[in-house]
PDB file of N, CA and C in Angstrom:
ATOM      1  N   UNK A   1     -26.975  -1.345  15.933  1.00  0.00           N
ATOM      2  CA  UNK A   1     -26.584  -0.381  14.926  1.00  0.00           C
ATOM      3  C   UNK A   1     -26.101   0.918  15.548  1.00  0.00           C
ATOM      4  N   UNK A   2     -26.734   1.315  16.615  1.00  0.00           N
ATOM      5  CA  UNK A   2     -26.395   2.594  17.229  1.00  0.00           C
ATOM      6  C   UNK A   2     -24.937   2.624  17.687  1.00  0.00           C
ATOM      7  N   UNK A   3     -24.426   1.486  18.161  1.00  0.00           N
ATOM      8  CA  UNK A   3     -23.033   1.481  18.627  1.00  0.00           C
ATOM      9  C   UNK A   3     -22.064   1.779  17.491  1.00  0.00           C
ATOM     10  N   UNK A   4     -22.382   1.312  16.279  1.00  0.00           N
ATOM     11  CA  UNK A   4     -21.494   1.575  15.142  1.00  0.00           C
ATOM     12  C   UNK A   4     -21.543   3.047  14.733  1.00  0.00           C
ATOM     13  N   UNK A   5     -22.720   3.617  14.790  1.00  0.00           N
ATOM     14  CA  UNK A   5     -22.859   5.040  14.475  1.00  0.00           C
ATOM     15  C   UNK A   5     -22.151   5.864  15.544  1.00  0.00           C
ATOM     16  N   UNK A   6     -22.244   5.416  16.805  1.00  0.00           N
ATOM     17  CA  UNK A   6     -21.561   6.106  17.897  1.00  0.00           C
ATOM     18  C   UNK A   6     -20.042   6.069  17.718  1.00  0.00           C
ATOM     19  N   UNK A   7     -19.532   5.025  17.040  1.00  0.00           N
ATOM     20  CA  UNK A   7     -18.096   4.941  16.747  1.00  0.00           C
ATOM     21  C   UNK A   7     -17.692   5.905  15.644  1.00  0.00           C
ATOM     22  N   UNK A   8     -18.688   6.552  15.024  1.00  0.00           N
ATOM     23  CA  UNK A   8     -18.401   7.519  13.983  1.00  0.00           C
ATOM     24  C   UNK A   8     -18.531   6.988  12.570  1.00  0.00           C
ATOM     25  N   UNK A   9     -19.082   5.785  12.433  1.00  0.00           N
ATOM     26  CA  UNK A   9     -19.259   5.223  11.090  1.00  0.00           C
ATOM     27  C   UNK A   9     -20.430   5.900  10.387  1.00  0.00           C
ATOM     28  N   UNK A  10     -20.390   5.879   9.080  1.00  0.00           N
ATOM     29  CA  UNK A  10     -21.386   6.511   8.223  1.00  0.00           C
ATOM     30  C   UNK A  10     -22.796   6.017   8.545  1.00  0.00           C
ATOM     31  N   UNK A  11     -23.705   6.953   8.857  1.00  0.00           N
ATOM     32  CA  UNK A  11     -25.086   6.615   9.230  1.00  0.00           C
ATOM     33  C   UNK A  11     -25.835   5.903   8.108  1.00  0.00           C
ATOM     34  N   UNK A  12     -25.500   6.220   6.890  1.00  0.00           N
ATOM     35  CA  UNK A  12     -26.159   5.603   5.736  1.00  0.00           C
ATOM     36  C   UNK A  12     -25.627   4.188   5.506  1.00  0.00           C
ATOM     37  N   UNK A  13     -24.358   3.976   5.783  1.00  0.00           N
ATOM     38  CA  UNK A  13     -23.719   2.686   5.519  1.00  0.00           C
ATOM     39  C   UNK A  13     -24.007   1.637   6.585  1.00  0.00           C
ATOM     40  N   UNK A  14     -24.139   2.053   7.820  1.00  0.00           N
ATOM     41  CA  UNK A  14     -24.277   1.094   8.922  1.00  0.00           C
ATOM     42  C   UNK A  14     -25.473   0.158   8.756  1.00  0.00           C
ATOM     43  N   UNK A  15     -26.676   0.650   8.452  1.00  0.00           N
ATOM     44  CA  UNK A  15     -27.796  -0.292   8.296  1.00  0.00           C
ATOM     45  C   UNK A  15     -27.560  -1.316   7.180  1.00  0.00           C
ATOM     46  N   UNK A  16     -26.936  -0.892   6.097  1.00  0.00           N
ATOM     47  CA  UNK A  16     -26.626  -1.808   4.998  1.00  0.00           C
ATOM     48  C   UNK A  16     -25.610  -2.857   5.443  1.00  0.00           C
ATOM     49  N   UNK A  17     -24.609  -2.417   6.175  1.00  0.00           N
ATOM     50  CA  UNK A  17     -23.570  -3.328   6.645  1.00  0.00           C
ATOM     51  C   UNK A  17     -24.139  -4.346   7.625  1.00  0.00           C
ATOM     52  N   UNK A  18     -24.934  -3.887   8.566  1.00  0.00           N
ATOM     53  CA  UNK A  18     -25.510  -4.789   9.567  1.00  0.00           C
ATOM     54  C   UNK A  18     -26.480  -5.764   8.910  1.00  0.00           C
ATOM     55  N   UNK A  19     -27.226  -5.308   7.924  1.00  0.00           N
ATOM     56  CA  UNK A  19     -28.153  -6.198   7.211  1.00  0.00           C
ATOM     57  C   UNK A  19     -27.409  -7.323   6.500  1.00  0.00           C
ATOM     58  N   UNK A  20     -26.210  -7.041   6.030  1.00  0.00           N
ATOM     59  CA  UNK A  20     -25.443  -8.039   5.283  1.00  0.00           C
ATOM     60  C   UNK A  20     -24.481  -8.845   6.145  1.00  0.00           C
ATOM     61  N   UNK A  21     -23.974  -8.255   7.206  1.00  0.00           N
ATOM     62  CA  UNK A  21     -22.933  -8.909   7.998  1.00  0.00           C
ATOM     63  C   UNK A  21     -23.313  -9.146   9.456  1.00  0.00           C
ATOM     64  N   UNK A  22     -24.510  -8.740   9.846  1.00  0.00           N
ATOM     65  CA  UNK A  22     -24.913  -8.914  11.234  1.00  0.00           C
ATOM     66  C   UNK A  22     -24.035  -8.082  12.155  1.00  0.00           C
ATOM     67  N   UNK A  23     -23.848  -8.580  13.355  1.00  0.00           N
ATOM     68  CA  UNK A  23     -23.079  -7.835  14.352  1.00  0.00           C
ATOM     69  C   UNK A  23     -21.608  -8.268  14.327  1.00  0.00           C
ATOM     70  N   UNK A  24     -20.999  -8.124  13.145  1.00  0.00           N
ATOM     71  CA  UNK A  24     -19.583  -8.457  12.971  1.00  0.00           C
ATOM     72  C   UNK A  24     -18.818  -7.136  12.848  1.00  0.00           C
ATOM     73  N   UNK A  25     -18.193  -6.684  13.933  1.00  0.00           N
ATOM     74  CA  UNK A  25     -17.563  -5.357  13.931  1.00  0.00           C
ATOM     75  C   UNK A  25     -16.547  -5.143  12.808  1.00  0.00           C
ATOM     76  N   UNK A  26     -15.745  -6.153  12.507  1.00  0.00           N
ATOM     77  CA  UNK A  26     -14.744  -5.980  11.444  1.00  0.00           C
ATOM     78  C   UNK A  26     -15.398  -5.762  10.093  1.00  0.00           C
ATOM     79  N   UNK A  27     -16.379  -6.603   9.763  1.00  0.00           N
ATOM     80  CA  UNK A  27     -17.043  -6.486   8.455  1.00  0.00           C
ATOM     81  C   UNK A  27     -17.851  -5.195   8.356  1.00  0.00           C
ATOM     82  N   UNK A  28     -18.538  -4.838   9.434  1.00  0.00           N
ATOM     83  CA  UNK A  28     -19.335  -3.604   9.420  1.00  0.00           C
ATOM     84  C   UNK A  28     -18.423  -2.399   9.223  1.00  0.00           C
ATOM     85  N   UNK A  29     -17.308  -2.373   9.922  1.00  0.00           N
ATOM     86  CA  UNK A  29     -16.368  -1.256   9.795  1.00  0.00           C
ATOM     87  C   UNK A  29     -15.750  -1.211   8.402  1.00  0.00           C
ATOM     88  N   UNK A  30     -15.332  -2.362   7.877  1.00  0.00           N
ATOM     89  CA  UNK A  30     -14.762  -2.411   6.520  1.00  0.00           C
ATOM     90  C   UNK A  30     -15.765  -1.868   5.506  1.00  0.00           C
ATOM     91  N   UNK A  31     -17.006  -2.347   5.602  1.00  0.00           N
ATOM     92  CA  UNK A  31     -18.035  -1.919   4.655  1.00  0.00           C
ATOM     93  C   UNK A  31     -18.280  -0.419   4.774  1.00  0.00           C
ATOM     94  N   UNK A  32     -18.480   0.064   5.989  1.00  0.00           N
ATOM     95  CA  UNK A  32     -18.791   1.483   6.191  1.00  0.00           C
ATOM     96  C   UNK A  32     -17.660   2.383   5.704  1.00  0.00           C
ATOM     97  N   UNK A  33     -16.429   1.999   5.989  1.00  0.00           N
ATOM     98  CA  UNK A  33     -15.292   2.802   5.530  1.00  0.00           C
ATOM     99  C   UNK A  33     -15.196   2.809   4.005  1.00  0.00           C
ATOM    100  N   UNK A  34     -15.340   1.637   3.395  1.00  0.00           N
ATOM    101  CA  UNK A  34     -15.289   1.552   1.941  1.00  0.00           C
ATOM    102  C   UNK A  34     -16.432   2.306   1.287  1.00  0.00           C
ATOM    103  N   UNK A  35     -17.604   2.168   1.854  1.00  0.00           N
ATOM    104  CA  UNK A  35     -18.801   2.846   1.346  1.00  0.00           C
ATOM    105  C   UNK A  35     -18.589   4.359   1.365  1.00  0.00           C
ATOM    106  N   UNK A  36     -18.108   4.862   2.481  1.00  0.00           N
ATOM    107  CA  UNK A  36     -17.863   6.301   2.600  1.00  0.00           C
ATOM    108  C   UNK A  36     -16.850   6.769   1.566  1.00  0.00           C
ATOM    109  N   UNK A  37     -15.787   6.006   1.392  1.00  0.00           N
ATOM    110  CA  UNK A  37     -14.751   6.359   0.419  1.00  0.00           C
ATOM    111  C   UNK A  37     -15.301   6.381  -1.007  1.00  0.00           C
ATOM    112  N   UNK A  38     -16.073   5.358  -1.372  1.00  0.00           N
ATOM    113  CA  UNK A  38     -16.632   5.300  -2.726  1.00  0.00           C
ATOM    114  C   UNK A  38     -17.638   6.424  -2.956  1.00  0.00           C
ATOM    115  N   UNK A  39     -18.427   6.740  -1.948  1.00  0.00           N
ATOM    116  CA  UNK A  39     -19.373   7.858  -2.080  1.00  0.00           C
ATOM    117  C   UNK A  39     -18.616   9.173  -2.267  1.00  0.00           C
ATOM    118  N   UNK A  40     -17.513   9.340  -1.534  1.00  0.00           N
ATOM    119  CA  UNK A  40     -16.703  10.555  -1.678  1.00  0.00           C
ATOM    120  C   UNK A  40     -16.097  10.653  -3.066  1.00  0.00           C
ATOM    121  N   UNK A  41     -15.873   9.510  -3.707  1.00  0.00           N
ATOM    122  CA  UNK A  41     -15.348   9.496  -5.072  1.00  0.00           C
ATOM    123  C   UNK A  41     -16.425   9.836  -6.093  1.00  0.00           C
ATOM    124  N   UNK A  42     -17.684   9.869  -5.655  1.00  0.00           N
ATOM    125  CA  UNK A  42     -18.764  10.258  -6.546  1.00  0.00           C
ATOM    126  C   UNK A  42     -19.665   9.124  -7.008  1.00  0.00           C
ATOM    127  N   UNK A  43     -19.443   7.920  -6.505  1.00  0.00           N
ATOM    128  CA  UNK A  43     -20.298   6.804  -6.888  1.00  0.00           C
ATOM    129  C   UNK A  43     -21.595   6.857  -6.098  1.00  0.00           C
ATOM    130  N   UNK A  44     -22.669   6.357  -6.702  1.00  0.00           N
ATOM    131  CA  UNK A  44     -23.970   6.365  -6.043  1.00  0.00           C
ATOM    132  C   UNK A  44     -23.977   5.396  -4.861  1.00  0.00           C
ATOM    133  N   UNK A  45     -24.935   5.574  -3.991  1.00  0.00           N
ATOM    134  CA  UNK A  45     -25.082   4.697  -2.823  1.00  0.00           C
ATOM    135  C   UNK A  45     -25.234   3.245  -3.243  1.00  0.00           C
ATOM    136  N   UNK A  46     -26.121   2.998  -4.183  1.00  0.00           N
ATOM    137  CA  UNK A  46     -26.365   1.620  -4.628  1.00  0.00           C
ATOM    138  C   UNK A  46     -25.136   1.014  -5.275  1.00  0.00           C
ATOM    139  N   UNK A  47     -24.466   1.781  -6.105  1.00  0.00           N
ATOM    140  CA  UNK A  47     -23.261   1.277  -6.778  1.00  0.00           C
ATOM    141  C   UNK A  47     -22.170   0.953  -5.770  1.00  0.00           C
ATOM    142  N   UNK A  48     -21.965   1.849  -4.811  1.00  0.00           N
ATOM    143  CA  UNK A  48     -20.935   1.632  -3.796  1.00  0.00           C
ATOM    144  C   UNK A  48     -21.232   0.375  -2.993  1.00  0.00           C
ATOM    145  N   UNK A  49     -22.468   0.237  -2.536  1.00  0.00           N
ATOM    146  CA  UNK A  49     -22.848  -0.927  -1.728  1.00  0.00           C
ATOM    147  C   UNK A  49     -22.713  -2.215  -2.525  1.00  0.00           C
ATOM    148  N   UNK A  50     -23.237  -2.234  -3.737  1.00  0.00           N
ATOM    149  CA  UNK A  50     -23.176  -3.441  -4.565  1.00  0.00           C
ATOM    150  C   UNK A  50     -21.734  -3.860  -4.841  1.00  0.00           C
ATOM    151  N   UNK A  51     -20.904  -2.902  -5.205  1.00  0.00           N
ATOM    152  CA  UNK A  51     -19.511  -3.219  -5.537  1.00  0.00           C
ATOM    153  C   UNK A  51     -18.759  -3.759  -4.319  1.00  0.00           C
ATOM    154  N   UNK A  52     -18.994  -3.184  -3.162  1.00  0.00           N
ATOM    155  CA  UNK A  52     -18.337  -3.676  -1.951  1.00  0.00           C
ATOM    156  C   UNK A  52     -18.810  -5.083  -1.597  1.00  0.00           C
ATOM    157  N   UNK A  53     -20.105  -5.313  -1.695  1.00  0.00           N
ATOM    158  CA  UNK A  53     -20.637  -6.639  -1.363  1.00  0.00           C
ATOM    159  C   UNK A  53     -20.123  -7.700  -2.331  1.00  0.00           C
ATOM    160  N   UNK A  54     -20.013  -7.356  -3.600  1.00  0.00           N
ATOM    161  CA  UNK A  54     -19.522  -8.313  -4.598  1.00  0.00           C
ATOM    162  C   UNK A  54     -18.037  -8.614  -4.423  1.00  0.00           C
ATOM    163  N   UNK A  55     -17.325  -7.712  -3.787  1.00  0.00           N
ATOM    164  CA  UNK A  55     -15.873  -7.844  -3.665  1.00  0.00           C
ATOM    165  C   UNK A  55     -15.405  -7.984  -2.222  1.00  0.00           C
ATOM    166  N   UNK A  56     -16.255  -8.520  -1.374  1.00  0.00           N
ATOM    167  CA  UNK A  56     -15.931  -8.808   0.028  1.00  0.00           C
ATOM    168  C   UNK A  56     -15.281  -7.613   0.730  1.00  0.00           C
ATOM    169  N   UNK A  57     -15.842  -6.446   0.500  1.00  0.00           N
ATOM    170  CA  UNK A  57     -15.395  -5.193   1.133  1.00  0.00           C
ATOM    171  C   UNK A  57     -13.999  -4.748   0.723  1.00  0.00           C
ATOM    172  N   UNK A  58     -13.464  -5.305  -0.343  1.00  0.00           N
ATOM    173  CA  UNK A  58     -12.153  -4.871  -0.839  1.00  0.00           C
ATOM    174  C   UNK A  58     -12.369  -3.602  -1.668  1.00  0.00           C
ATOM    175  N   UNK A  59     -12.010  -2.475  -1.098  1.00  0.00           N
ATOM    176  CA  UNK A  59     -12.273  -1.188  -1.748  1.00  0.00           C
ATOM    177  C   UNK A  59     -11.588  -1.080  -3.099  1.00  0.00           C
ATOM    178  N   UNK A  60     -10.352  -1.543  -3.213  1.00  0.00           N
ATOM    179  CA  UNK A  60      -9.643  -1.460  -4.493  1.00  0.00           C
ATOM    180  C   UNK A  60     -10.333  -2.282  -5.572  1.00  0.00           C
ATOM    181  N   UNK A  61     -10.765  -3.483  -5.233  1.00  0.00           N
ATOM    182  CA  UNK A  61     -11.485  -4.313  -6.204  1.00  0.00           C
ATOM    183  C   UNK A  61     -12.830  -3.686  -6.549  1.00  0.00           C
ATOM    184  N   UNK A  62     -13.477  -3.076  -5.557  1.00  0.00           N
ATOM    185  CA  UNK A  62     -14.760  -2.413  -5.804  1.00  0.00           C
ATOM    186  C   UNK A  62     -14.579  -1.250  -6.777  1.00  0.00           C
ATOM    187  N   UNK A  63     -13.509  -0.485  -6.594  1.00  0.00           N
ATOM    188  CA  UNK A  63     -13.233   0.640  -7.506  1.00  0.00           C
ATOM    189  C   UNK A  63     -13.001   0.121  -8.917  1.00  0.00           C
ATOM    190  N   UNK A  64     -12.195  -0.921  -9.047  1.00  0.00           N
ATOM    191  CA  UNK A  64     -11.941  -1.499 -10.367  1.00  0.00           C
ATOM    192  C   UNK A  64     -13.243  -1.966 -11.013  1.00  0.00           C
ATOM    193  N   UNK A  65     -14.079  -2.611 -10.222  1.00  0.00           N
ATOM    194  CA  UNK A  65     -15.368  -3.077 -10.729  1.00  0.00           C
ATOM    195  C   UNK A  65     -16.201  -1.909 -11.244  1.00  0.00           C
ATOM    196  N   UNK A  66     -16.263  -0.857 -10.460  1.00  0.00           N
ATOM    197  CA  UNK A  66     -17.069   0.303 -10.850  1.00  0.00           C
ATOM    198  C   UNK A  66     -16.508   1.004 -12.080  1.00  0.00           C
ATOM    199  N   UNK A  67     -15.188   1.086 -12.171  1.00  0.00           N
ATOM    200  CA  UNK A  67     -14.579   1.755 -13.332  1.00  0.00           C
ATOM    201  C   UNK A  67     -14.712   0.907 -14.604  1.00  0.00           C
ATOM    202  N   UNK A  68     -14.726  -0.415 -14.443  1.00  0.00           N
ATOM    203  CA  UNK A  68     -14.837  -1.299 -15.595  1.00  0.00           C
ATOM    204  C   UNK A  68     -16.277  -1.572 -16.003  1.00  0.00           C
ATOM    205  N   UNK A  69     -17.214  -1.133 -15.199  1.00  0.00           N
ATOM    206  CA  UNK A  69     -18.642  -1.338 -15.478  1.00  0.00           C
ATOM    207  C   UNK A  69     -19.367  -0.002 -15.335  1.00  0.00           C
ATOM    208  N   UNK A  70     -19.231   0.861 -16.334  1.00  0.00           N
ATOM    209  CA  UNK A  70     -19.775   2.225 -16.207  1.00  0.00           C
ATOM    210  C   UNK A  70     -21.287   2.296 -16.006  1.00  0.00           C
ATOM    211  N   UNK A  71     -21.997   1.194 -16.207  1.00  0.00           N
ATOM    212  CA  UNK A  71     -23.431   1.219 -15.985  1.00  0.00           C
ATOM    213  C   UNK A  71     -23.759   1.372 -14.503  1.00  0.00           C
ATOM    214  N   UNK A  72     -22.755   1.151 -13.644  1.00  0.00           N
ATOM    215  CA  UNK A  72     -22.956   1.353 -12.212  1.00  0.00           C
ATOM    216  C   UNK A  72     -22.813   2.820 -11.941  1.00  0.00           C
TER     217      UNK A  72
END
């Protein structure tokens, strides 16, 4: 995990990404970048993580999911 944080990825996102994707640099980076973007948009940590995981780290699909499901 430390290597991903050393690359500058979000400290909050990295443990979640590694827990779900193991030591897969592409998936961890995709998740962390998407997570950071969704958090910057104002979505909660749980909502951002859930939406990304449900949509295979596709940030655009995650945004659509969150906008279409306001309970998140």
